[in-house]
PDB file of N, CA and C in Angstrom:
ATOM      1  N   MET A   1     -17.730   3.299  85.423  1.00  0.00           N
ATOM      2  CA  MET A   1     -17.924   2.780  86.758  1.00  0.00           C
ATOM      3  C   MET A   1     -19.184   1.912  86.733  1.00  0.00           C
ATOM      4  N   ALA A   2     -19.093   0.739  87.329  1.00  0.00           N
ATOM      5  CA  ALA A   2     -20.211  -0.195  87.335  1.00  0.00           C
ATOM      6  C   ALA A   2     -21.270   0.238  88.346  1.00  0.00           C
ATOM      7  N   VAL A   3     -22.486  -0.224  88.124  1.00  0.00           N
ATOM      8  CA  VAL A   3     -23.585   0.087  89.038  1.00  0.00           C
ATOM      9  C   VAL A   3     -23.263  -0.496  90.407  1.00  0.00           C
ATOM     10  N   GLY A   4     -23.464   0.294  91.449  1.00  0.00           N
ATOM     11  CA  GLY A   4     -23.212  -0.161  92.811  1.00  0.00           C
ATOM     12  C   GLY A   4     -21.759  -0.053  93.249  1.00  0.00           C
ATOM     13  N   GLU A   5     -20.892   0.387  92.357  1.00  0.00           N
ATOM     14  CA  GLU A   5     -19.475   0.512  92.675  1.00  0.00           C
ATOM     15  C   GLU A   5     -19.216   1.884  93.290  1.00  0.00           C
ATOM     16  N   THR A   6     -18.418   1.926  94.332  1.00  0.00           N
ATOM     17  CA  THR A   6     -18.079   3.185  94.979  1.00  0.00           C
ATOM     18  C   THR A   6     -16.835   3.761  94.333  1.00  0.00           C
ATOM     19  N   PRO A   7     -16.858   5.026  93.919  1.00  0.00           N
ATOM     20  CA  PRO A   7     -15.690   5.620  93.291  1.00  0.00           C
ATOM     21  C   PRO A   7     -14.485   5.608  94.217  1.00  0.00           C
ATOM     22  N   GLY A   8     -13.322   5.306  93.664  1.00  0.00           N
ATOM     23  CA  GLY A   8     -12.080   5.348  94.418  1.00  0.00           C
ATOM     24  C   GLY A   8     -11.773   4.086  95.187  1.00  0.00           C
ATOM     25  N   GLN A   9     -12.694   3.145  95.200  1.00  0.00           N
ATOM     26  CA  GLN A   9     -12.428   1.901  95.904  1.00  0.00           C
ATOM     27  C   GLN A   9     -11.733   0.933  94.958  1.00  0.00           C
ATOM     28  N   PRO A  10     -10.916   0.020  95.505  1.00  0.00           N
ATOM     29  CA  PRO A  10     -10.200  -0.922  94.652  1.00  0.00           C
ATOM     30  C   PRO A  10     -11.152  -1.774  93.815  1.00  0.00           C
ATOM     31  N   ARG A  11     -10.741  -2.023  92.603  1.00  0.00           N
ATOM     32  CA  ARG A  11     -11.471  -2.939  91.726  1.00  0.00           C
ATOM     33  C   ARG A  11     -10.657  -4.209  91.639  1.00  0.00           C
ATOM     34  N   ASP A  12     -11.248  -5.318  91.972  1.00  0.00           N
ATOM     35  CA  ASP A  12     -10.554  -6.609  91.960  1.00  0.00           C
ATOM     36  C   ASP A  12      -9.291  -6.572  92.816  1.00  0.00           C
ATOM     37  N   GLY A  13      -9.331  -5.835  93.921  1.00  0.00           N
ATOM     38  CA  GLY A  13      -8.208  -5.786  94.842  1.00  0.00           C
ATOM     39  C   GLY A  13      -7.082  -4.858  94.421  1.00  0.00           C
ATOM     40  N   VAL A  14      -7.219  -4.173  93.296  1.00  0.00           N
ATOM     41  CA  VAL A  14      -6.166  -3.278  92.817  1.00  0.00           C
ATOM     42  C   VAL A  14      -6.607  -1.843  93.067  1.00  0.00           C
ATOM     43  N   PRO A  15      -5.861  -1.088  93.917  1.00  0.00           N
ATOM     44  CA  PRO A  15      -6.257   0.299  94.188  1.00  0.00           C
ATOM     45  C   PRO A  15      -6.171   1.144  92.925  1.00  0.00           C
ATOM     46  N   LEU A  16      -7.040   2.137  92.834  1.00  0.00           N
ATOM     47  CA  LEU A  16      -7.001   3.056  91.707  1.00  0.00           C
ATOM     48  C   LEU A  16      -5.791   3.972  91.845  1.00  0.00           C
ATOM     49  N   PRO A  17      -5.117   4.286  90.744  1.00  0.00           N
ATOM     50  CA  PRO A  17      -3.989   5.229  90.824  1.00  0.00           C
ATOM     51  C   PRO A  17      -4.497   6.638  91.113  1.00  0.00           C
ATOM     52  N   LEU A  18      -3.642   7.463  91.708  1.00  0.00           N
ATOM     53  CA  LEU A  18      -4.043   8.831  92.065  1.00  0.00           C
ATOM     54  C   LEU A  18      -4.380   9.688  90.849  1.00  0.00           C
ATOM     55  N   ASP A  19      -3.954   9.263  89.652  1.00  0.00           N
ATOM     56  CA  ASP A  19      -4.307  10.047  88.462  1.00  0.00           C
ATOM     57  C   ASP A  19      -5.624   9.576  87.840  1.00  0.00           C
ATOM     58  N   HIS A  20      -6.329   8.650  88.491  1.00  0.00           N
ATOM     59  CA  HIS A  20      -7.628   8.191  88.000  1.00  0.00           C
ATOM     60  C   HIS A  20      -8.623   9.350  88.087  1.00  0.00           C
ATOM     61  N   PRO A  21      -9.443   9.561  87.052  1.00  0.00           N
ATOM     62  CA  PRO A  21     -10.361  10.708  87.054  1.00  0.00           C
ATOM     63  C   PRO A  21     -11.335  10.738  88.231  1.00  0.00           C
ATOM     64  N   ASP A  22     -11.701   9.580  88.780  1.00  0.00           N
ATOM     65  CA  ASP A  22     -12.628   9.560  89.916  1.00  0.00           C
ATOM     66  C   ASP A  22     -12.082  10.347  91.104  1.00  0.00           C
ATOM     67  N   PHE A  23     -10.777  10.346  91.289  1.00  0.00           N
ATOM     68  CA  PHE A  23     -10.205  11.022  92.446  1.00  0.00           C
ATOM     69  C   PHE A  23     -10.402  12.528  92.397  1.00  0.00           C
ATOM     70  N   TRP A  24     -10.522  13.095  91.228  1.00  0.00           N
ATOM     71  CA  TRP A  24     -10.556  14.551  91.102  1.00  0.00           C
ATOM     72  C   TRP A  24     -11.913  15.079  90.658  1.00  0.00           C
ATOM     73  N   THR A  25     -12.925  14.196  90.624  1.00  0.00           N
ATOM     74  CA  THR A  25     -14.273  14.632  90.276  1.00  0.00           C
ATOM     75  C   THR A  25     -15.295  14.259  91.338  1.00  0.00           C
ATOM     76  N   VAL A  26     -14.946  13.339  92.224  1.00  0.00           N
ATOM     77  CA  VAL A  26     -15.890  12.858  93.229  1.00  0.00           C
ATOM     78  C   VAL A  26     -15.697  13.643  94.520  1.00  0.00           C
ATOM     79  N   LEU A  27     -16.784  14.273  94.982  1.00  0.00           N
ATOM     80  CA  LEU A  27     -16.774  15.014  96.242  1.00  0.00           C
ATOM     81  C   LEU A  27     -17.454  14.183  97.322  1.00  0.00           C
ATOM     82  N   LEU A  28     -16.851  14.144  98.494  1.00  0.00           N
ATOM     83  CA  LEU A  28     -17.394  13.392  99.627  1.00  0.00           C
ATOM     84  C   LEU A  28     -17.900  14.359 100.693  1.00  0.00           C
ATOM     85  N   THR A  29     -18.933  13.951 101.402  1.00  0.00           N
ATOM     86  CA  THR A  29     -19.396  14.717 102.556  1.00  0.00           C
ATOM     87  C   THR A  29     -18.458  14.423 103.725  1.00  0.00           C
ATOM     88  N   VAL A  30     -18.543  15.248 104.759  1.00  0.00           N
ATOM     89  CA  VAL A  30     -17.731  15.010 105.957  1.00  0.00           C
ATOM     90  C   VAL A  30     -18.113  13.657 106.579  1.00  0.00           C
ATOM     91  N   ALA A  31     -19.385  13.325 106.545  1.00  0.00           N
ATOM     92  CA  ALA A  31     -19.826  12.031 107.085  1.00  0.00           C
ATOM     93  C   ALA A  31     -19.192  10.870 106.315  1.00  0.00           C
ATOM     94  N   GLN A  32     -19.098  10.986 104.976  1.00  0.00           N
ATOM     95  CA  GLN A  32     -18.475   9.933 104.177  1.00  0.00           C
ATOM     96  C   GLN A  32     -16.980   9.827 104.474  1.00  0.00           C
ATOM     97  N   VAL A  33     -16.323  10.965 104.640  1.00  0.00           N
ATOM     98  CA  VAL A  33     -14.901  10.964 104.989  1.00  0.00           C
ATOM     99  C   VAL A  33     -14.714  10.308 106.355  1.00  0.00           C
ATOM    100  N   SER A  34     -15.557  10.668 107.316  1.00  0.00           N
ATOM    101  CA  SER A  34     -15.482  10.089 108.659  1.00  0.00           C
ATOM    102  C   SER A  34     -15.617   8.575 108.601  1.00  0.00           C
ATOM    103  N   GLN A  35     -16.580   8.114 107.810  1.00  0.00           N
ATOM    104  CA  GLN A  35     -16.822   6.676 107.692  1.00  0.00           C
ATOM    105  C   GLN A  35     -15.617   5.974 107.071  1.00  0.00           C
ATOM    106  N   ARG A  36     -15.035   6.546 106.028  1.00  0.00           N
ATOM    107  CA  ARG A  36     -13.888   5.921 105.371  1.00  0.00           C
ATOM    108  C   ARG A  36     -12.662   5.876 106.286  1.00  0.00           C
ATOM    109  N   LEU A  37     -12.518   6.888 107.140  1.00  0.00           N
ATOM    110  CA  LEU A  37     -11.378   6.916 108.057  1.00  0.00           C
ATOM    111  C   LEU A  37     -11.645   6.171 109.357  1.00  0.00           C
ATOM    112  N   GLY A  38     -12.918   5.893 109.631  1.00  0.00           N
ATOM    113  CA  GLY A  38     -13.272   5.248 110.895  1.00  0.00           C
ATOM    114  C   GLY A  38     -13.129   6.193 112.070  1.00  0.00           C
ATOM    115  N   LEU A  39     -13.398   7.476 111.817  1.00  0.00           N
ATOM    116  CA  LEU A  39     -13.270   8.505 112.847  1.00  0.00           C
ATOM    117  C   LEU A  39     -14.621   9.160 113.099  1.00  0.00           C
ATOM    118  N   SER A  40     -14.714   9.868 114.201  1.00  0.00           N
ATOM    119  CA  SER A  40     -15.931  10.635 114.478  1.00  0.00           C
ATOM    120  C   SER A  40     -15.975  11.857 113.558  1.00  0.00           C
ATOM    121  N   ARG A  41     -17.175  12.409 113.402  1.00  0.00           N
ATOM    122  CA  ARG A  41     -17.309  13.632 112.604  1.00  0.00           C
ATOM    123  C   ARG A  41     -16.508  14.766 113.239  1.00  0.00           C
ATOM    124  N   ALA A  42     -16.497  14.816 114.569  1.00  0.00           N
ATOM    125  CA  ALA A  42     -15.756  15.881 115.262  1.00  0.00           C
ATOM    126  C   ALA A  42     -14.262  15.801 114.943  1.00  0.00           C
ATOM    127  N   LYS A  43     -13.688  14.602 114.991  1.00  0.00           N
ATOM    128  CA  LYS A  43     -12.265  14.434 114.684  1.00  0.00           C
ATOM    129  C   LYS A  43     -12.004  14.767 113.220  1.00  0.00           C
ATOM    130  N   THR A  44     -12.920  14.377 112.344  1.00  0.00           N
ATOM    131  CA  THR A  44     -12.768  14.683 110.917  1.00  0.00           C
ATOM    132  C   THR A  44     -12.800  16.192 110.696  1.00  0.00           C
ATOM    133  N   PHE A  45     -13.715  16.893 111.365  1.00  0.00           N
ATOM    134  CA  PHE A  45     -13.756  18.356 111.251  1.00  0.00           C
ATOM    135  C   PHE A  45     -12.464  18.975 111.778  1.00  0.00           C
ATOM    136  N   THR A  46     -11.874  18.411 112.808  1.00  0.00           N
ATOM    137  CA  THR A  46     -10.593  18.912 113.324  1.00  0.00           C
ATOM    138  C   THR A  46      -9.509  18.764 112.263  1.00  0.00           C
ATOM    139  N   LEU A  47      -9.449  17.611 111.593  1.00  0.00           N
ATOM    140  CA  LEU A  47      -8.453  17.386 110.545  1.00  0.00           C
ATOM    141  C   LEU A  47      -8.668  18.344 109.367  1.00  0.00           C
ATOM    142  N   ILE A  48      -9.920  18.649 109.074  1.00  0.00           N
ATOM    143  CA  ILE A  48     -10.224  19.604 108.012  1.00  0.00           C
ATOM    144  C   ILE A  48      -9.843  21.013 108.454  1.00  0.00           C
ATOM    145  N   SER A  49     -10.188  21.381 109.675  1.00  0.00           N
ATOM    146  CA  SER A  49      -9.901  22.734 110.190  1.00  0.00           C
ATOM    147  C   SER A  49      -8.414  23.022 110.261  1.00  0.00           C
ATOM    148  N   ASP A  50      -7.609  22.010 110.647  1.00  0.00           N
ATOM    149  CA  ASP A  50      -6.171  22.258 110.766  1.00  0.00           C
ATOM    150  C   ASP A  50      -5.431  22.094 109.435  1.00  0.00           C
ATOM    151  N   GLY A  51      -6.188  21.796 108.361  1.00  0.00           N
ATOM    152  CA  GLY A  51      -5.583  21.716 107.037  1.00  0.00           C
ATOM    153  C   GLY A  51      -5.001  20.363 106.684  1.00  0.00           C
ATOM    154  N   SER A  52      -5.120  19.391 107.571  1.00  0.00           N
ATOM    155  CA  SER A  52      -4.594  18.055 107.272  1.00  0.00           C
ATOM    156  C   SER A  52      -5.313  17.426 106.080  1.00  0.00           C
ATOM    157  N   ILE A  53      -6.620  17.677 105.995  1.00  0.00           N
ATOM    158  CA  ILE A  53      -7.419  17.214 104.864  1.00  0.00           C
ATOM    159  C   ILE A  53      -8.009  18.450 104.195  1.00  0.00           C
ATOM    160  N   PRO A  54      -7.594  18.737 102.956  1.00  0.00           N
ATOM    161  CA  PRO A  54      -8.165  19.896 102.258  1.00  0.00           C
ATOM    162  C   PRO A  54      -9.655  19.700 101.993  1.00  0.00           C
ATOM    163  N   SER A  55     -10.389  20.804 101.998  1.00  0.00           N
ATOM    164  CA  SER A  55     -11.826  20.726 101.725  1.00  0.00           C
ATOM    165  C   SER A  55     -12.261  21.987 101.000  1.00  0.00           C
ATOM    166  N   ARG A  56     -13.499  21.948 100.510  1.00  0.00           N
ATOM    167  CA  ARG A  56     -14.088  23.081  99.813  1.00  0.00           C
ATOM    168  C   ARG A  56     -15.465  23.348 100.378  1.00  0.00           C
ATOM    169  N   LYS A  57     -15.857  24.614 100.400  1.00  0.00           N
ATOM    170  CA  LYS A  57     -17.226  24.975 100.781  1.00  0.00           C
ATOM    171  C   LYS A  57     -18.025  25.181  99.505  1.00  0.00           C
ATOM    172  N   ILE A  58     -19.179  24.561  99.454  1.00  0.00           N
ATOM    173  CA  ILE A  58     -20.120  24.767  98.358  1.00  0.00           C
ATOM    174  C   ILE A  58     -21.398  25.235  99.025  1.00  0.00           C
ATOM    175  N   GLY A  59     -21.639  26.533  98.970  1.00  0.00           N
ATOM    176  CA  GLY A  59     -22.735  27.107  99.741  1.00  0.00           C
ATOM    177  C   GLY A  59     -22.413  26.932 101.216  1.00  0.00           C
ATOM    178  N   SER A  60     -23.290  26.276 101.948  1.00  0.00           N
ATOM    179  CA  SER A  60     -23.026  26.019 103.360  1.00  0.00           C
ATOM    180  C   SER A  60     -22.471  24.611 103.589  1.00  0.00           C
ATOM    181  N   ALA A  61     -22.326  23.841 102.507  1.00  0.00           N
ATOM    182  CA  ALA A  61     -21.855  22.451 102.631  1.00  0.00           C
ATOM    183  C   ALA A  61     -20.337  22.380 102.525  1.00  0.00           C
ATOM    184  N   ARG A  62     -19.730  21.486 103.282  1.00  0.00           N
ATOM    185  CA  ARG A  62     -18.292  21.243 103.248  1.00  0.00           C
ATOM    186  C   ARG A  62     -18.078  19.929 102.511  1.00  0.00           C
ATOM    187  N   ARG A  63     -17.172  19.922 101.509  1.00  0.00           N
ATOM    188  CA  ARG A  63     -16.911  18.731 100.719  1.00  0.00           C
ATOM    189  C   ARG A  63     -15.416  18.490 100.603  1.00  0.00           C
ATOM    190  N   VAL A  64     -15.039  17.208 100.461  1.00  0.00           N
ATOM    191  CA  VAL A  64     -13.646  16.792 100.327  1.00  0.00           C
ATOM    192  C   VAL A  64     -13.520  16.011  99.026  1.00  0.00           C
ATOM    193  N   LEU A  65     -12.545  16.392  98.209  1.00  0.00           N
ATOM    194  CA  LEU A  65     -12.282  15.621  97.000  1.00  0.00           C
ATOM    195  C   LEU A  65     -11.732  14.250  97.384  1.00  0.00           C
ATOM    196  N   LEU A  66     -12.191  13.225  96.693  1.00  0.00           N
ATOM    197  CA  LEU A  66     -11.724  11.873  96.955  1.00  0.00           C
ATOM    198  C   LEU A  66     -10.206  11.789  96.853  1.00  0.00           C
ATOM    199  N   GLY A  67      -9.624  12.498  95.883  1.00  0.00           N
ATOM    200  CA  GLY A  67      -8.170  12.494  95.709  1.00  0.00           C
ATOM    201  C   GLY A  67      -7.435  13.094  96.899  1.00  0.00           C
ATOM    202  N   ASP A  68      -8.008  14.156  97.487  1.00  0.00           N
ATOM    203  CA  ASP A  68      -7.382  14.758  98.670  1.00  0.00           C
ATOM    204  C   ASP A  68      -7.418  13.795  99.848  1.00  0.00           C
ATOM    205  N   LEU A  69      -8.517  13.055  99.990  1.00  0.00           N
ATOM    206  CA  LEU A  69      -8.593  12.055 101.048  1.00  0.00           C
ATOM    207  C   LEU A  69      -7.593  10.933 100.788  1.00  0.00           C
ATOM    208  N   ALA A  70      -7.458  10.521  99.534  1.00  0.00           N
ATOM    209  CA  ALA A  70      -6.496   9.463  99.186  1.00  0.00           C
ATOM    210  C   ALA A  70      -5.069   9.898  99.502  1.00  0.00           C
ATOM    211  N   ARG A  71      -4.743  11.160  99.223  1.00  0.00           N
ATOM    212  CA  ARG A  71      -3.404  11.677  99.558  1.00  0.00           C
ATOM    213  C   ARG A  71      -3.179  11.659 101.067  1.00  0.00           C
ATOM    214  N   TYR A  72      -4.179  12.089 101.829  1.00  0.00           N
ATOM    215  CA  TYR A  72      -4.053  12.089 103.287  1.00  0.00           C
ATOM    216  C   TYR A  72      -3.797  10.668 103.787  1.00  0.00           C
ATOM    217  N   ILE A  73      -4.551   9.711 103.275  1.00  0.00           N
ATOM    218  CA  ILE A  73      -4.377   8.310 103.694  1.00  0.00           C
ATOM    219  C   ILE A  73      -3.003   7.794 103.289  1.00  0.00           C
ATOM    220  N   ALA A  74      -2.521   8.183 102.105  1.00  0.00           N
ATOM    221  CA  ALA A  74      -1.197   7.750 101.656  1.00  0.00           C
ATOM    222  C   ALA A  74      -0.104   8.264 102.585  1.00  0.00           C
ATOM    223  N   VAL A  75      -0.255   9.515 103.044  1.00  0.00           N
ATOM    224  CA  VAL A  75       0.730  10.086 103.970  1.00  0.00           C
ATOM    225  C   VAL A  75       0.712   9.317 105.299  1.00  0.00           C
ATOM    226  N   LEU A  76      -0.467   8.886 105.723  1.00  0.00           N
ATOM    227  CA  LEU A  76      -0.559   8.109 106.964  1.00  0.00           C
ATOM    228  C   LEU A  76       0.219   6.810 106.866  1.00  0.00           C
ATOM    229  N   GLY A  77       0.325   6.255 105.657  1.00  0.00           N
ATOM    230  CA  GLY A  77       1.013   4.985 105.456  1.00  0.00           C
ATOM    231  C   GLY A  77       2.518   5.101 105.429  1.00  0.00           C
ATOM    232  N   GLU A  78       3.049   6.330 105.358  1.00  0.00           N
ATOM    233  CA  GLU A  78       4.497   6.504 105.333  1.00  0.00           C
ATOM    234  C   GLU A  78       5.075   6.235 106.712  1.00  0.00           C
ATOM    235  N   PRO A  79       6.274   5.633 106.751  1.00  0.00           N
ATOM    236  CA  PRO A  79       6.870   5.327 108.051  1.00  0.00           C
ATOM    237  C   PRO A  79       7.203   6.585 108.842  1.00  0.00           C
ATOM    238  N   VAL A  80       7.042   6.487 110.126  1.00  0.00           N
ATOM    239  CA  VAL A  80       7.370   7.589 111.023  1.00  0.00           C
ATOM    240  C   VAL A  80       8.832   7.450 111.416  1.00  0.00           C
ATOM    241  N   ILE A  81       9.588   8.535 111.273  1.00  0.00           N
ATOM    242  CA  ILE A  81      10.992   8.509 111.664  1.00  0.00           C
ATOM    243  C   ILE A  81      11.069   8.936 113.114  1.00  0.00           C
ATOM    244  N   ARG A  82      11.536   8.035 113.931  1.00  0.00           N
ATOM    245  CA  ARG A  82      11.640   8.313 115.362  1.00  0.00           C
ATOM    246  C   ARG A  82      13.091   8.644 115.705  1.00  0.00           C
ATOM    247  N   PRO A  83      13.290   9.527 116.664  1.00  0.00           N
ATOM    248  CA  PRO A  83      14.671   9.855 117.051  1.00  0.00           C
ATOM    249  C   PRO A  83      15.341   8.640 117.674  1.00  0.00           C
ATOM    250  N   THR A  84      16.620   8.509 117.389  1.00  0.00           N
ATOM    251  CA  THR A  84      17.369   7.402 117.992  1.00  0.00           C
ATOM    252  C   THR A  84      17.806   7.816 119.383  1.00  0.00           C
ATOM    253  N   HIS A  85      17.845   6.881 120.276  1.00  0.00           N
ATOM    254  CA  HIS A  85      18.243   7.143 121.659  1.00  0.00           C
ATOM    255  C   HIS A  85      19.544   6.413 121.943  1.00  0.00           C
ATOM    256  N   THR A  86      20.373   7.052 122.731  1.00  0.00           N
ATOM    257  CA  THR A  86      21.595   6.385 123.159  1.00  0.00           C
ATOM    258  C   THR A  86      21.267   5.510 124.356  1.00  0.00           C
ATOM    259  N   GLN A  87      22.180   4.671 124.704  1.00  0.00           N
ATOM    260  CA  GLN A  87      21.965   3.790 125.847  1.00  0.00           C
ATOM    261  C   GLN A  87      21.762   4.604 127.126  1.00  0.00           C
ATOM    262  N   ASP A  88      22.452   5.755 127.238  1.00  0.00           N
ATOM    263  CA  ASP A  88      22.299   6.619 128.408  1.00  0.00           C
ATOM    264  C   ASP A  88      20.881   7.172 128.515  1.00  0.00           C
ATOM    265  N   ASP A  89      20.255   7.469 127.363  1.00  0.00           N
ATOM    266  CA  ASP A  89      18.888   8.004 127.362  1.00  0.00           C
ATOM    267  C   ASP A  89      17.895   7.001 127.934  1.00  0.00           C
ATOM    268  N   GLN A  90      18.183   5.724 127.819  1.00  0.00           N
ATOM    269  CA  GLN A  90      17.220   4.703 128.181  1.00  0.00           C
ATOM    270  C   GLN A  90      17.446   4.116 129.584  1.00  0.00           C
ATOM    271  N   ARG A  91      18.413   4.679 130.347  1.00  0.00           N
ATOM    272  CA  ARG A  91      18.688   4.161 131.688  1.00  0.00           C
ATOM    273  C   ARG A  91      17.528   4.366 132.638  1.00  0.00           C
ATOM    274  N   GLY A  92      16.796   5.446 132.455  1.00  0.00           N
ATOM    275  CA  GLY A  92      15.646   5.693 133.301  1.00  0.00           C
ATOM    276  C   GLY A  92      15.998   6.338 134.626  1.00  0.00           C
ATOM    277  N   ASP A  93      17.240   6.786 134.799  1.00  0.00           N
ATOM    278  CA  ASP A  93      17.612   7.400 136.068  1.00  0.00           C
ATOM    279  C   ASP A  93      17.532   8.938 136.011  1.00  0.00           C
ATOM    280  N   GLY A  94      17.021   9.460 134.889  1.00  0.00           N
ATOM    281  CA  GLY A  94      16.869  10.900 134.782  1.00  0.00           C
ATOM    282  C   GLY A  94      18.143  11.594 134.351  1.00  0.00           C
ATOM    283  N   VAL A  95      19.218  10.848 134.158  1.00  0.00           N
ATOM    284  CA  VAL A  95      20.480  11.419 133.728  1.00  0.00           C
ATOM    285  C   VAL A  95      20.662  11.129 132.238  1.00  0.00           C
ATOM    286  N   GLY A  96      21.068  12.132 131.478  1.00  0.00           N
ATOM    287  CA  GLY A  96      21.371  11.913 130.066  1.00  0.00           C
ATOM    288  C   GLY A  96      20.253  12.231 129.245  1.00  0.00           C
TER     289      GLY A  96
END
């Protein structure tokens, strides 16, 4: 890894594969996870508490493996399957 380079970030625009060693050796603080997701620390703690983002306790500190965060982000990128509606469902008259 080059000086000043952040682990797990794309190099020359090419994302690192999930089997890259950086993903499974680099631990992030909750603040770093929040910053990467663009979320508040409170929302990040909620995602950690509900198991959406796996984490580990080291003493009193909470840490997230870079690979676990990458998996969470990858799942976010998957398309959401929405239920199909019939024409009757969309009439808006409360019937159907």
